[in-house]
Amino acid sequence: MYTNEQKPVTTASLIEELSDDELASCVGGTGYINPGGQEVPGNSGTLKAAGLKNNPNMYLDPNGSARFTSDRNAKEALAEVDVHAILQGIADLPITTRKYNNQDQTIRHIGPIAKDFATTFNVGGSDRLINVVDANGVVLAAIQALYQKLQAQDSQINSLNLQISEIKQQLLLNSQ
């Protein structure tokens, strides 16, 4: 936590300062979707949040940050990703701003709709939720595709600059 002067303020735990709504938002806003009926102790009672309790692939540190298992040994059926197809999927993916039905009119969010995300990328276990692991993976794949495009463009620019230099040299020789 920081004061207005941006100096650290000592606090026992950030979680103690958060409401249940804020705590649920810290872990991807999953606090209101509860198909499994799981319960997690919250600051003012119990959060019912699927995936937050007894999930062997997610850990919450003492300050509320979610950490997901990503060890290669914990995975199987690995397959390469076409990063350029992912980038095109992002380009075609509708991105909207909106509010949730149960939120104040002043609160806005931006992003894709889960059904569109699931249809575009064919990942995750539901077309009603976007798993943060999948969202991060899509973003990283798109960054790789953009980097590859940038490298190819840089190479092409260097080649064209060399050709221009050679043409200038030839013109200079011809004008003498």
Protein backbone atom coordinates (compact mmCIF):
# COMPACT_ATOMS: atom_id res chain seq x y z
CA MET A 1 0.00 0.00 0.00
CA TYR A 2 1.18 3.54 -0.74
CA THR A 3 0.27 6.97 0.62
CA ASN A 4 -0.30 9.97 -1.61
CA GLU A 5 3.44 10.66 -1.41
CA GLN A 6 4.10 7.13 -2.76
CA LYS A 7 5.86 6.02 0.43
CA PRO A 8 5.29 2.43 1.55
CA VAL A 9 2.80 2.00 4.38
CA THR A 10 3.30 -0.94 6.69
CA THR A 11 0.30 -3.25 6.80
CA ALA A 12 -0.16 -6.70 8.32
CA SER A 13 -1.83 -8.07 5.20
CA LEU A 14 -3.44 -6.61 2.11
CA ILE A 15 -6.13 -9.27 2.35
CA GLU A 16 -7.29 -7.85 5.68
CA GLU A 17 -7.95 -4.51 4.00
CA LEU A 18 -9.99 -5.92 1.11
CA SER A 19 -13.72 -6.53 1.04
CA ASP A 20 -14.90 -9.91 -0.24
CA ASP A 21 -15.80 -8.26 -3.56
CA GLU A 22 -12.30 -6.79 -3.89
CA LEU A 23 -10.70 -10.07 -2.87
CA ALA A 24 -12.72 -11.96 -5.49
CA SER A 25 -11.60 -9.42 -8.10
CA CYS A 26 -7.96 -10.06 -7.19
CA VAL A 27 -8.33 -13.69 -8.21
CA GLY A 28 -10.03 -13.08 -11.51
CA GLY A 29 -13.50 -12.16 -10.32
CA THR A 30 -14.46 -15.81 -9.82
CA GLY A 31 -16.10 -15.16 -6.46
CA TYR A 32 -19.63 -15.23 -7.85
CA ILE A 33 -19.53 -18.28 -10.10
CA ASN A 34 -19.93 -21.39 -8.05
CA PRO A 35 -20.94 -24.52 -9.93
CA GLY A 36 -19.08 -26.70 -7.41
CA GLY A 37 -20.45 -25.06 -4.28
CA GLN A 38 -16.94 -24.61 -2.89
CA GLU A 39 -16.44 -22.22 0.00
CA VAL A 40 -13.42 -20.13 0.91
CA PRO A 41 -13.15 -18.07 4.11
CA GLY A 42 -13.38 -14.35 3.32
CA ASN A 43 -13.01 -11.15 5.32
CA SER A 44 -16.69 -10.81 6.09
CA GLY A 45 -17.87 -14.39 5.97
CA THR A 46 -17.46 -17.04 3.32
CA LEU A 47 -16.79 -16.63 -0.38
CA LYS A 48 -18.33 -19.25 -2.59
CA ALA A 49 -15.85 -19.47 -5.40
CA ALA A 50 -15.25 -22.44 -7.62
CA GLY A 51 -11.61 -23.23 -8.10
CA LEU A 52 -10.28 -21.27 -5.14
CA LYS A 53 -10.31 -24.17 -2.70
CA ASN A 54 -8.77 -27.59 -3.24
CA ASN A 55 -7.47 -26.61 -6.67
CA PRO A 56 -4.12 -28.40 -7.06
CA ASN A 57 -3.13 -26.06 -9.92
CA MET A 58 -3.67 -22.71 -8.17
CA TYR A 59 -2.16 -21.23 -5.05
CA LEU A 60 -2.97 -17.98 -3.27
CA ASP A 61 -0.07 -16.30 -1.55
CA PRO A 62 -0.70 -14.46 1.77
CA ASN A 63 -1.33 -11.18 -0.06
CA GLY A 64 -3.98 -12.60 -2.41
CA SER A 65 -2.00 -13.12 -5.62
CA ALA A 66 -2.95 -16.22 -7.57
CA ARG A 67 -0.16 -18.52 -8.71
CA PHE A 68 -0.79 -21.28 -11.19
CA THR A 69 1.20 -24.48 -11.61
CA SER A 70 3.17 -24.32 -14.83
CA ASP A 71 5.86 -26.97 -14.37
CA ARG A 72 6.41 -28.99 -17.54
CA ASN A 73 6.24 -32.19 -15.43
CA ALA A 74 2.68 -31.32 -14.38
CA LYS A 75 1.49 -31.20 -18.01
CA GLU A 76 0.87 -33.62 -20.83
CA ALA A 77 -0.23 -33.55 -24.48
CA LEU A 78 1.89 -30.46 -25.20
CA ALA A 79 1.45 -29.09 -28.72
CA GLU A 80 2.99 -26.15 -30.57
CA VAL A 81 0.85 -23.07 -31.10
CA ASP A 82 0.48 -21.16 -34.36
CA VAL A 83 1.25 -17.75 -32.88
CA HIS A 84 0.24 -15.98 -36.10
CA ALA A 85 -3.20 -17.63 -36.01
CA ILE A 86 -3.51 -16.49 -32.39
CA LEU A 87 -2.61 -12.94 -33.41
CA GLN A 88 -5.23 -13.05 -36.17
CA GLY A 89 -7.73 -14.42 -33.65
CA ILE A 90 -7.09 -11.43 -31.40
CA ALA A 91 -7.49 -9.07 -34.36
CA ASP A 92 -10.90 -10.63 -35.10
CA LEU A 93 -12.01 -11.01 -31.46
CA PRO A 94 -14.70 -8.51 -30.42
CA ILE A 95 -13.49 -6.43 -27.47
CA THR A 96 -16.17 -4.57 -25.58
CA THR A 97 -16.56 -2.38 -22.56
CA ARG A 98 -19.38 -3.22 -20.17
CA LYS A 99 -20.51 -3.60 -16.59
CA TYR A 100 -21.68 -6.68 -14.76
CA ASN A 101 -25.38 -6.89 -13.91
CA ASN A 102 -24.73 -6.69 -10.17
CA GLN A 103 -22.26 -3.77 -10.27
CA ASP A 104 -22.69 -0.05 -9.85
CA GLN A 105 -23.28 1.88 -13.09
CA THR A 106 -19.93 3.67 -12.68
CA ILE A 107 -17.84 0.47 -12.77
CA ARG A 108 -16.69 -0.53 -16.27
CA HIS A 109 -14.64 -3.45 -17.58
CA ILE A 110 -13.00 -4.08 -20.96
CA GLY A 111 -12.28 -7.34 -22.70
CA PRO A 112 -13.71 -10.18 -24.75
CA ILE A 113 -16.84 -12.16 -23.98
CA ALA A 114 -16.04 -15.69 -22.81
CA LYS A 115 -18.08 -17.39 -25.54
CA ASP A 116 -16.21 -15.43 -28.25
CA PHE A 117 -12.87 -16.23 -26.57
CA ALA A 118 -13.68 -19.96 -26.37
CA THR A 119 -14.89 -20.06 -29.98
CA THR A 120 -11.84 -18.18 -31.27
CA PHE A 121 -9.10 -20.03 -29.37
CA ASN A 122 -10.74 -23.35 -28.40
CA VAL A 123 -9.21 -23.38 -24.91
CA GLY A 124 -10.55 -23.63 -21.38
CA GLY A 125 -13.23 -25.78 -19.86
CA SER A 126 -16.19 -23.43 -20.33
CA ASP A 127 -17.55 -20.89 -22.76
CA ARG A 128 -18.82 -18.86 -19.78
CA LEU A 129 -15.44 -18.15 -18.15
CA ILE A 130 -12.04 -17.06 -19.40
CA ASN A 131 -9.29 -18.82 -17.48
CA VAL A 132 -6.52 -16.37 -16.64
CA VAL A 133 -3.94 -18.97 -17.69
CA ASP A 134 -5.49 -19.13 -21.17
CA ALA A 135 -5.76 -15.35 -21.43
CA ASN A 136 -2.09 -14.99 -20.49
CA GLY A 137 -1.10 -17.68 -22.99
CA VAL A 138 -3.01 -15.97 -25.80
CA VAL A 139 -1.35 -12.65 -25.00
CA LEU A 140 2.14 -14.20 -24.89
CA ALA A 141 1.55 -16.02 -28.19
CA ALA A 142 0.42 -12.75 -29.80
CA ILE A 143 3.52 -10.97 -28.50
CA GLN A 144 5.69 -13.70 -30.05
CA ALA A 145 3.87 -13.28 -33.39
CA LEU A 146 4.33 -9.51 -33.28
CA TYR A 147 8.02 -9.95 -32.46
CA GLN A 148 8.45 -12.32 -35.41
CA LYS A 149 6.69 -9.84 -37.71
CA LEU A 150 8.89 -7.03 -36.42
CA GLN A 151 12.05 -9.08 -37.00
CA ALA A 152 10.95 -9.86 -40.57
CA GLN A 153 10.19 -6.20 -41.23
CA ASP A 154 13.55 -5.13 -39.79
CA SER A 155 15.28 -7.62 -42.07
CA GLN A 156 13.36 -6.33 -45.08
CA ILE A 157 14.13 -2.70 -44.19
CA ASN A 158 17.84 -3.51 -43.87
CA SER A 159 17.78 -5.26 -47.24
CA LEU A 160 15.99 -2.32 -48.89
CA ASN A 161 18.41 0.16 -47.31
CA LEU A 162 21.33 -1.84 -48.74
CA GLN A 163 19.68 -1.82 -52.18
CA ILE A 164 19.13 1.96 -51.95
CA SER A 165 22.78 2.47 -51.00
CA GLU A 166 23.89 0.34 -53.96
CA ILE A 167 21.59 2.28 -56.34
CA LYS A 168 22.88 5.60 -55.00
CA GLN A 169 26.44 4.40 -55.46
CA GLN A 170 25.66 3.31 -59.04
CA LEU A 171 23.97 6.66 -59.81
CA LEU A 172 26.95 8.53 -58.42
CA LEU A 173 29.33 6.51 -60.56
CA ASN A 174 27.16 7.00 -63.65
CA SER A 175 26.94 10.78 -63.13
CA GLN A 176 30.75 11.15 -63.16
